N, C-alpha and C. Protein backbone atom coordinates (compact mmCIF):
# COMPACT_ATOMS: atom_id res chain seq x y z
N MET A 1 -10.25 -70.09 184.93
CA MET A 1 -10.04 -71.46 184.52
C MET A 1 -8.55 -71.77 184.59
N ASP A 2 -8.22 -72.87 185.27
CA ASP A 2 -6.83 -73.28 185.42
C ASP A 2 -6.43 -74.20 184.26
N LEU A 3 -5.49 -73.77 183.46
CA LEU A 3 -5.01 -74.58 182.36
C LEU A 3 -3.72 -75.27 182.80
N GLY A 4 -3.85 -76.42 183.42
CA GLY A 4 -2.71 -77.17 183.93
C GLY A 4 -2.14 -78.12 182.90
N SER A 5 -1.31 -79.03 183.37
CA SER A 5 -0.63 -79.95 182.47
C SER A 5 -1.60 -80.90 181.78
N PHE A 6 -2.71 -81.28 182.44
CA PHE A 6 -3.67 -82.16 181.79
C PHE A 6 -4.20 -81.51 180.51
N THR A 7 -4.59 -80.24 180.63
CA THR A 7 -5.12 -79.53 179.48
C THR A 7 -4.06 -79.38 178.40
N GLY A 8 -2.86 -79.03 178.78
CA GLY A 8 -1.77 -78.88 177.82
C GLY A 8 -1.46 -80.16 177.08
N ILE A 9 -1.44 -81.26 177.81
CA ILE A 9 -1.17 -82.55 177.17
C ILE A 9 -2.30 -82.93 176.22
N ARG A 10 -3.51 -82.72 176.65
CA ARG A 10 -4.66 -83.05 175.79
C ARG A 10 -4.67 -82.20 174.51
N ILE A 11 -4.37 -80.92 174.64
CA ILE A 11 -4.31 -80.05 173.46
C ILE A 11 -3.18 -80.50 172.54
N GLY A 12 -2.03 -80.80 173.11
CA GLY A 12 -0.90 -81.25 172.30
C GLY A 12 -1.20 -82.55 171.56
N LEU A 13 -1.79 -83.51 172.26
CA LEU A 13 -2.12 -84.79 171.63
C LEU A 13 -3.18 -84.60 170.53
N SER A 14 -4.17 -83.76 170.80
CA SER A 14 -5.20 -83.50 169.78
C SER A 14 -4.60 -82.87 168.54
N THR A 15 -3.65 -81.97 168.74
CA THR A 15 -2.99 -81.31 167.61
C THR A 15 -2.19 -82.31 166.78
N ILE A 16 -1.42 -83.16 167.46
CA ILE A 16 -0.64 -84.18 166.75
C ILE A 16 -1.56 -85.14 166.00
N LYS A 17 -2.64 -85.57 166.66
CA LYS A 17 -3.59 -86.47 166.00
C LYS A 17 -4.19 -85.82 164.75
N ALA A 18 -4.52 -84.53 164.85
CA ALA A 18 -5.09 -83.83 163.70
C ALA A 18 -4.09 -83.77 162.55
N PHE A 19 -2.84 -83.42 162.85
CA PHE A 19 -1.80 -83.39 161.80
C PHE A 19 -1.66 -84.76 161.14
N CYS A 20 -1.61 -85.80 161.95
CA CYS A 20 -1.44 -87.17 161.42
C CYS A 20 -2.64 -87.57 160.56
N ASP A 21 -3.84 -87.24 161.02
CA ASP A 21 -5.04 -87.61 160.27
C ASP A 21 -5.13 -86.85 158.95
N VAL A 22 -4.87 -85.55 158.98
CA VAL A 22 -4.97 -84.73 157.77
C VAL A 22 -3.94 -85.18 156.72
N LYS A 23 -2.75 -85.49 157.16
CA LYS A 23 -1.69 -85.90 156.23
C LYS A 23 -1.61 -87.41 156.03
N ASN A 24 -2.50 -88.14 156.71
CA ASN A 24 -2.52 -89.60 156.63
C ASN A 24 -1.14 -90.19 156.96
N LYS A 25 -0.59 -89.74 158.08
CA LYS A 25 0.74 -90.17 158.53
C LYS A 25 0.62 -90.88 159.87
N PRO A 26 1.52 -91.81 160.14
CA PRO A 26 1.54 -92.43 161.47
C PRO A 26 2.20 -91.48 162.47
N CYS A 27 2.06 -91.79 163.73
CA CYS A 27 2.75 -90.99 164.75
C CYS A 27 3.63 -91.91 165.59
N ILE A 28 4.56 -91.30 166.28
CA ILE A 28 5.52 -92.05 167.08
C ILE A 28 5.53 -91.46 168.49
N PRO A 29 4.94 -92.18 169.43
CA PRO A 29 4.93 -91.66 170.80
C PRO A 29 6.30 -91.80 171.47
N VAL A 30 6.71 -90.75 172.16
CA VAL A 30 7.96 -90.76 172.91
C VAL A 30 7.67 -90.17 174.28
N SER A 31 7.93 -90.94 175.32
CA SER A 31 7.70 -90.43 176.68
C SER A 31 8.85 -89.52 177.10
N SER A 32 8.60 -88.73 178.10
CA SER A 32 9.66 -87.87 178.66
C SER A 32 10.82 -88.73 179.16
N LEU A 33 10.50 -89.87 179.75
CA LEU A 33 11.55 -90.74 180.29
C LEU A 33 12.41 -91.33 179.17
N GLU A 34 11.79 -91.69 178.06
CA GLU A 34 12.55 -92.18 176.91
C GLU A 34 13.48 -91.10 176.38
N ALA A 35 12.94 -89.90 176.22
CA ALA A 35 13.75 -88.80 175.70
C ALA A 35 14.94 -88.52 176.61
N LEU A 36 14.71 -88.55 177.92
CA LEU A 36 15.82 -88.33 178.86
C LEU A 36 16.90 -89.39 178.71
N SER A 37 16.52 -90.62 178.45
CA SER A 37 17.52 -91.70 178.34
C SER A 37 18.49 -91.46 177.18
N TYR A 38 18.03 -90.78 176.15
CA TYR A 38 18.89 -90.53 174.98
C TYR A 38 19.99 -89.50 175.27
N MET A 39 19.96 -88.91 176.45
CA MET A 39 21.04 -87.99 176.83
C MET A 39 22.33 -88.73 177.12
N VAL A 40 22.24 -90.04 177.39
CA VAL A 40 23.40 -90.84 177.74
C VAL A 40 23.82 -91.66 176.53
N ASP A 41 25.04 -91.48 176.10
CA ASP A 41 25.57 -92.22 174.95
C ASP A 41 26.68 -93.14 175.45
N GLU A 42 26.33 -94.06 176.27
CA GLU A 42 27.29 -94.97 176.90
C GLU A 42 26.84 -96.40 176.62
N GLU A 43 27.72 -97.20 176.02
CA GLU A 43 27.39 -98.59 175.71
C GLU A 43 27.41 -99.46 176.96
N ASP A 44 26.65 -100.54 176.91
CA ASP A 44 26.63 -101.55 177.96
C ASP A 44 26.37 -100.93 179.34
N ALA A 45 25.29 -100.17 179.41
CA ALA A 45 24.97 -99.48 180.65
C ALA A 45 23.45 -99.42 180.82
N TYR A 46 23.04 -99.23 182.05
CA TYR A 46 21.64 -98.93 182.35
C TYR A 46 21.50 -97.42 182.45
N ILE A 47 20.36 -96.95 182.02
CA ILE A 47 20.05 -95.53 182.15
C ILE A 47 18.74 -95.44 182.95
N CYS A 48 18.82 -94.78 184.05
CA CYS A 48 17.65 -94.63 184.92
C CYS A 48 17.12 -93.22 184.76
N SER A 49 15.98 -93.11 184.09
CA SER A 49 15.31 -91.82 183.92
C SER A 49 14.32 -91.66 185.05
N MET A 50 14.46 -90.56 185.81
CA MET A 50 13.57 -90.33 186.95
C MET A 50 13.13 -88.87 187.00
N ILE A 51 11.83 -88.69 187.18
CA ILE A 51 11.26 -87.36 187.32
C ILE A 51 10.54 -87.29 188.66
N ASP A 52 10.73 -86.20 189.37
CA ASP A 52 10.11 -86.01 190.67
C ASP A 52 8.60 -85.92 190.54
N ALA A 53 7.89 -86.71 191.35
CA ALA A 53 6.43 -86.68 191.37
C ALA A 53 5.91 -86.20 192.72
N LYS A 54 6.77 -85.55 193.49
CA LYS A 54 6.45 -84.94 194.79
C LYS A 54 6.18 -85.98 195.88
N HIS A 55 6.41 -85.58 197.12
CA HIS A 55 6.16 -86.39 198.32
C HIS A 55 6.95 -87.70 198.30
N SER A 56 8.22 -87.64 197.86
CA SER A 56 9.12 -88.80 197.76
C SER A 56 8.68 -89.82 196.72
N ASN A 57 7.79 -89.43 195.83
CA ASN A 57 7.38 -90.29 194.72
C ASN A 57 8.18 -89.93 193.48
N ILE A 58 8.37 -90.94 192.65
CA ILE A 58 9.09 -90.73 191.40
C ILE A 58 8.30 -91.35 190.25
N TYR A 59 8.53 -90.82 189.07
CA TYR A 59 8.07 -91.40 187.81
C TYR A 59 9.37 -91.82 187.15
N ALA A 60 9.52 -93.13 186.87
CA ALA A 60 10.83 -93.61 186.43
C ALA A 60 10.71 -94.78 185.46
N CYS A 61 11.81 -95.02 184.79
CA CYS A 61 11.96 -96.19 183.93
C CYS A 61 13.45 -96.44 183.75
N ILE A 62 13.79 -97.69 183.59
CA ILE A 62 15.18 -98.08 183.35
C ILE A 62 15.29 -98.49 181.89
N PHE A 63 16.32 -97.99 181.25
CA PHE A 63 16.61 -98.34 179.86
C PHE A 63 18.00 -98.96 179.79
N GLU A 64 18.22 -99.78 178.77
CA GLU A 64 19.55 -100.33 178.50
C GLU A 64 20.01 -99.79 177.16
N LYS A 65 21.30 -99.51 177.07
CA LYS A 65 21.86 -99.11 175.79
C LYS A 65 22.93 -100.13 175.41
N ASN A 66 22.68 -100.80 174.32
CA ASN A 66 23.63 -101.76 173.76
C ASN A 66 23.67 -101.58 172.25
N GLU A 67 24.86 -101.45 171.71
CA GLU A 67 25.05 -101.34 170.26
C GLU A 67 24.10 -100.31 169.63
N ASP A 68 24.08 -99.12 170.17
CA ASP A 68 23.25 -98.01 169.68
C ASP A 68 21.75 -98.25 169.78
N ASN A 69 21.33 -99.25 170.55
CA ASN A 69 19.91 -99.51 170.78
C ASN A 69 19.53 -99.15 172.19
N TYR A 70 18.48 -98.38 172.34
CA TYR A 70 17.92 -98.08 173.65
C TYR A 70 16.68 -98.96 173.81
N THR A 71 16.66 -99.79 174.83
CA THR A 71 15.51 -100.64 175.07
C THR A 71 15.03 -100.45 176.51
N LYS A 72 13.73 -100.58 176.68
CA LYS A 72 13.12 -100.44 177.99
C LYS A 72 13.39 -101.72 178.78
N TYR A 73 14.00 -101.57 179.94
CA TYR A 73 14.33 -102.71 180.81
C TYR A 73 13.14 -103.09 181.70
N CYS A 74 12.31 -102.11 182.05
CA CYS A 74 11.15 -102.36 182.91
C CYS A 74 10.01 -101.44 182.47
N ASP A 75 8.84 -101.68 183.01
CA ASP A 75 7.70 -100.81 182.73
C ASP A 75 7.90 -99.46 183.42
N PHE A 76 7.13 -98.47 183.01
CA PHE A 76 7.15 -97.18 183.69
C PHE A 76 6.69 -97.38 185.12
N VAL A 77 7.33 -96.68 186.03
CA VAL A 77 7.07 -96.85 187.46
C VAL A 77 6.65 -95.52 188.08
N PHE A 78 5.63 -95.59 188.91
CA PHE A 78 5.25 -94.46 189.77
C PHE A 78 5.25 -95.03 191.18
N ASP A 79 6.25 -94.65 191.98
CA ASP A 79 6.42 -95.27 193.29
C ASP A 79 7.28 -94.37 194.18
N LYS A 80 7.44 -94.79 195.42
CA LYS A 80 8.35 -94.13 196.36
C LYS A 80 9.79 -94.40 195.91
N ILE A 81 10.66 -93.43 196.08
CA ILE A 81 12.06 -93.58 195.68
C ILE A 81 12.70 -94.78 196.40
N GLU A 82 12.35 -94.98 197.66
CA GLU A 82 12.94 -96.08 198.43
C GLU A 82 12.61 -97.44 197.80
N ASN A 83 11.39 -97.61 197.33
CA ASN A 83 10.99 -98.87 196.68
C ASN A 83 11.72 -99.07 195.37
N PHE A 84 11.88 -97.99 194.62
CA PHE A 84 12.56 -98.10 193.33
C PHE A 84 14.05 -98.40 193.50
N LEU A 85 14.64 -97.92 194.57
CA LEU A 85 16.06 -98.22 194.82
C LEU A 85 16.28 -99.72 195.02
N LEU A 86 15.29 -100.43 195.52
CA LEU A 86 15.39 -101.88 195.65
C LEU A 86 15.55 -102.55 194.29
N VAL A 87 14.82 -102.06 193.31
CA VAL A 87 14.93 -102.57 191.94
C VAL A 87 16.32 -102.24 191.38
N LEU A 88 16.76 -101.02 191.58
CA LEU A 88 18.06 -100.60 191.06
C LEU A 88 19.20 -101.38 191.69
N GLY A 89 19.03 -101.80 192.94
CA GLY A 89 20.07 -102.55 193.64
C GLY A 89 20.37 -103.89 193.02
N SER A 90 19.44 -104.44 192.24
CA SER A 90 19.66 -105.74 191.61
C SER A 90 20.41 -105.64 190.28
N LEU A 91 20.62 -104.44 189.77
CA LEU A 91 21.30 -104.27 188.48
C LEU A 91 22.80 -104.46 188.64
N LYS A 92 23.41 -105.08 187.64
CA LYS A 92 24.84 -105.42 187.74
C LYS A 92 25.77 -104.51 186.93
N LYS A 93 25.23 -103.74 186.01
CA LYS A 93 26.07 -102.85 185.20
C LYS A 93 26.08 -101.45 185.81
N LYS A 94 26.89 -100.58 185.23
CA LYS A 94 26.89 -99.19 185.66
C LYS A 94 25.54 -98.55 185.34
N ILE A 95 25.19 -97.55 186.14
CA ILE A 95 23.89 -96.89 186.00
C ILE A 95 24.11 -95.39 185.84
N PHE A 96 23.50 -94.82 184.83
CA PHE A 96 23.50 -93.38 184.61
C PHE A 96 22.12 -92.85 185.00
N PHE A 97 22.10 -91.81 185.79
CA PHE A 97 20.85 -91.20 186.23
C PHE A 97 20.61 -89.91 185.45
N VAL A 98 19.40 -89.80 184.88
CA VAL A 98 19.00 -88.59 184.17
C VAL A 98 17.64 -88.14 184.71
N GLY A 99 17.36 -86.87 184.58
CA GLY A 99 16.13 -86.32 185.12
C GLY A 99 16.41 -85.66 186.46
N ASN A 100 15.45 -84.92 186.96
CA ASN A 100 15.69 -84.13 188.17
C ASN A 100 15.84 -84.95 189.44
N CYS A 101 15.39 -86.19 189.47
CA CYS A 101 15.52 -87.01 190.68
C CYS A 101 16.95 -87.48 190.93
N GLY A 102 17.73 -87.62 189.87
CA GLY A 102 19.12 -87.99 190.05
C GLY A 102 19.84 -86.99 190.93
N ILE A 103 19.57 -85.74 190.70
CA ILE A 103 20.18 -84.68 191.50
C ILE A 103 19.48 -84.55 192.86
N LEU A 104 18.16 -84.60 192.84
CA LEU A 104 17.37 -84.45 194.06
C LEU A 104 17.69 -85.53 195.10
N TYR A 105 17.87 -86.76 194.65
CA TYR A 105 18.11 -87.89 195.56
C TYR A 105 19.52 -88.45 195.45
N LYS A 106 20.44 -87.64 194.99
CA LYS A 106 21.81 -88.09 194.74
C LYS A 106 22.45 -88.74 195.96
N ASP A 107 22.36 -88.12 197.12
CA ASP A 107 22.99 -88.66 198.32
C ASP A 107 22.35 -89.99 198.72
N MET A 108 21.04 -90.08 198.64
CA MET A 108 20.35 -91.32 198.98
C MET A 108 20.76 -92.44 198.02
N ILE A 109 20.82 -92.13 196.73
CA ILE A 109 21.20 -93.12 195.72
C ILE A 109 22.62 -93.61 195.97
N LYS A 110 23.54 -92.68 196.21
CA LYS A 110 24.94 -93.04 196.46
C LYS A 110 25.08 -93.92 197.70
N SER A 111 24.30 -93.64 198.73
CA SER A 111 24.43 -94.42 199.97
C SER A 111 23.81 -95.81 199.82
N TYR A 112 22.87 -95.97 198.90
CA TYR A 112 22.19 -97.26 198.77
C TYR A 112 22.84 -98.19 197.75
N LEU A 113 23.25 -97.63 196.61
CA LEU A 113 23.74 -98.47 195.51
C LEU A 113 25.24 -98.69 195.58
N LYS A 114 25.64 -99.89 195.21
CA LYS A 114 27.07 -100.24 195.18
C LYS A 114 27.61 -100.23 193.76
N ASN A 115 26.75 -100.03 192.77
CA ASN A 115 27.16 -99.99 191.37
C ASN A 115 28.03 -98.77 191.09
N ASP A 116 28.66 -98.79 189.90
CA ASP A 116 29.25 -97.55 189.39
C ASP A 116 28.07 -96.69 188.96
N ILE A 117 27.94 -95.52 189.54
CA ILE A 117 26.80 -94.66 189.22
C ILE A 117 27.29 -93.30 188.76
N PHE A 118 26.54 -92.72 187.83
CA PHE A 118 26.89 -91.44 187.24
C PHE A 118 25.62 -90.59 187.16
N PHE A 119 25.78 -89.30 187.31
CA PHE A 119 24.64 -88.39 187.32
C PHE A 119 24.81 -87.33 186.24
N GLU A 120 23.81 -87.21 185.37
CA GLU A 120 23.79 -86.14 184.38
C GLU A 120 23.29 -84.87 185.07
N GLU A 121 24.01 -83.80 184.91
CA GLU A 121 23.62 -82.54 185.56
C GLU A 121 22.47 -81.85 184.85
N ASP A 122 22.36 -82.04 183.53
CA ASP A 122 21.26 -81.44 182.77
C ASP A 122 20.03 -82.31 182.99
N THR A 123 18.97 -81.75 183.56
CA THR A 123 17.83 -82.55 183.98
C THR A 123 16.57 -82.30 183.16
N LEU A 124 16.63 -81.50 182.12
CA LEU A 124 15.45 -81.15 181.35
C LEU A 124 15.33 -81.99 180.08
N VAL A 125 14.12 -82.32 179.72
CA VAL A 125 13.86 -83.03 178.48
C VAL A 125 14.09 -82.06 177.33
N SER A 126 14.87 -82.48 176.35
CA SER A 126 15.20 -81.62 175.22
C SER A 126 14.49 -82.11 173.96
N SER A 127 14.04 -81.18 173.15
CA SER A 127 13.40 -81.55 171.88
C SER A 127 14.37 -82.33 171.00
N LYS A 128 15.66 -82.07 171.15
CA LYS A 128 16.67 -82.81 170.38
C LYS A 128 16.56 -84.31 170.65
N TYR A 129 16.44 -84.68 171.93
CA TYR A 129 16.40 -86.10 172.28
C TYR A 129 15.03 -86.72 172.00
N ILE A 130 13.98 -85.92 172.05
CA ILE A 130 12.66 -86.41 171.63
C ILE A 130 12.73 -86.79 170.15
N GLY A 131 13.34 -85.91 169.35
CA GLY A 131 13.49 -86.17 167.92
C GLY A 131 14.34 -87.39 167.62
N ILE A 132 15.44 -87.54 168.32
CA ILE A 132 16.32 -88.71 168.10
C ILE A 132 15.60 -90.00 168.49
N ALA A 133 14.91 -89.98 169.62
CA ALA A 133 14.16 -91.16 170.06
C ALA A 133 13.07 -91.51 169.06
N ALA A 134 12.36 -90.50 168.58
CA ALA A 134 11.30 -90.74 167.59
C ALA A 134 11.87 -91.31 166.30
N PHE A 135 13.00 -90.78 165.85
CA PHE A 135 13.63 -91.28 164.62
C PHE A 135 14.04 -92.74 164.80
N ASP A 136 14.63 -93.08 165.95
CA ASP A 136 15.01 -94.47 166.22
C ASP A 136 13.79 -95.39 166.20
N LYS A 137 12.71 -94.95 166.84
CA LYS A 137 11.49 -95.75 166.87
C LYS A 137 10.89 -95.90 165.47
N PHE A 138 10.98 -94.84 164.67
CA PHE A 138 10.49 -94.90 163.29
C PHE A 138 11.28 -95.94 162.50
N GLN A 139 12.61 -95.91 162.65
CA GLN A 139 13.45 -96.87 161.93
C GLN A 139 13.17 -98.32 162.35
N LYS A 140 12.74 -98.50 163.58
CA LYS A 140 12.41 -99.84 164.08
C LYS A 140 10.98 -100.25 163.73
N GLY A 141 10.24 -99.36 163.07
CA GLY A 141 8.87 -99.66 162.69
C GLY A 141 7.88 -99.54 163.83
N GLU A 142 8.16 -98.66 164.78
CA GLU A 142 7.30 -98.51 165.95
C GLU A 142 6.29 -97.38 165.83
N ALA A 143 6.01 -96.96 164.61
CA ALA A 143 5.00 -95.92 164.40
C ALA A 143 3.62 -96.53 164.62
N ILE A 144 2.68 -95.70 165.08
CA ILE A 144 1.31 -96.15 165.33
C ILE A 144 0.33 -95.22 164.64
N SER A 145 -0.91 -95.67 164.50
CA SER A 145 -1.93 -94.78 163.95
C SER A 145 -2.37 -93.80 165.03
N SER A 146 -2.86 -92.66 164.62
CA SER A 146 -3.19 -91.60 165.58
C SER A 146 -4.28 -92.01 166.56
N ASP A 147 -5.16 -92.93 166.19
CA ASP A 147 -6.21 -93.35 167.11
C ASP A 147 -5.68 -94.18 168.27
N LYS A 148 -4.46 -94.66 168.17
CA LYS A 148 -3.83 -95.43 169.25
C LYS A 148 -3.00 -94.55 170.19
N LEU A 149 -2.82 -93.29 169.84
CA LEU A 149 -2.01 -92.37 170.64
C LEU A 149 -2.79 -91.94 171.88
N THR A 150 -2.23 -92.19 173.05
CA THR A 150 -2.86 -91.81 174.31
C THR A 150 -1.82 -91.21 175.24
N ALA A 151 -2.31 -90.49 176.21
CA ALA A 151 -1.42 -89.91 177.22
C ALA A 151 -1.25 -90.89 178.37
N LEU A 152 -0.11 -90.83 179.00
CA LEU A 152 0.17 -91.61 180.19
C LEU A 152 0.25 -90.62 181.34
N TYR A 153 -0.79 -90.59 182.18
CA TYR A 153 -0.86 -89.65 183.28
C TYR A 153 -0.42 -90.32 184.58
N LEU A 154 0.28 -89.57 185.42
CA LEU A 154 0.69 -90.08 186.72
C LEU A 154 -0.48 -90.11 187.70
N LYS A 155 -1.37 -89.18 187.56
CA LYS A 155 -2.51 -89.12 188.47
C LYS A 155 -3.74 -88.70 187.69
N LYS A 156 -4.87 -88.82 188.33
CA LYS A 156 -6.11 -88.43 187.68
C LYS A 156 -6.24 -86.91 187.67
N SER A 157 -6.96 -86.41 186.68
CA SER A 157 -7.20 -84.96 186.60
C SER A 157 -8.14 -84.54 187.72
N ASN A 158 -8.20 -83.24 188.01
CA ASN A 158 -9.12 -82.73 189.02
C ASN A 158 -10.57 -83.09 188.68
N ALA A 159 -10.91 -83.03 187.41
CA ALA A 159 -12.27 -83.35 186.98
C ALA A 159 -12.58 -84.82 187.29
N GLU A 160 -11.63 -85.71 187.01
CA GLU A 160 -11.85 -87.14 187.29
C GLU A 160 -11.95 -87.40 188.79
N GLU A 161 -11.10 -86.73 189.58
CA GLU A 161 -11.14 -86.89 191.04
C GLU A 161 -12.46 -86.38 191.61
N THR A 162 -12.94 -85.25 191.09
CA THR A 162 -14.21 -84.68 191.55
C THR A 162 -15.36 -85.60 191.20
N LEU A 163 -15.35 -86.16 190.00
CA LEU A 163 -16.41 -87.07 189.57
C LEU A 163 -16.43 -88.33 190.44
N GLU A 164 -15.26 -88.87 190.73
CA GLU A 164 -15.17 -90.05 191.60
C GLU A 164 -15.68 -89.75 193.01
N ALA A 165 -15.36 -88.57 193.51
CA ALA A 165 -15.79 -88.19 194.87
C ALA A 165 -17.31 -88.08 194.96
N LYS A 166 -17.95 -87.68 193.88
CA LYS A 166 -19.41 -87.55 193.86
C LYS A 166 -20.12 -88.90 193.78
N GLN A 167 -19.42 -89.92 193.31
CA GLN A 167 -20.06 -91.23 193.11
C GLN A 167 -20.05 -92.07 194.34
């Protein structure tokens, strides 16, 4: 039996939901992209969190940091890097890139964008930044009940793909 990321995420979410239900506590969802954005402590800037999704695809989101607030500038994106660069080209402030795609596509990004751009060399999501993001969301009142907690998957699981193929 292959225990891939789908299984790991489902087990993790079930565990968090159980803790929240038993203790009657709310939970605070934090995406990997949100946690990555907290690596940049630069005011009046865009933070582009990008994770490689293989075959020139990226999982990305743009955040803004103003006055110690991190806000989502756009929805989460799963697309070709070339398409996402078109969105980034319209931004007028400096852009900080975090996540493994900043390094992976550094030359392409530099050749396309005219903004002041910066690349974080550390590309891994840290529990430190997950905690900081969760604390910020808690202070803003963004906690949710455990029954509203769901995973955001980039693609369907093998089981879902197999079921669809049979139909």
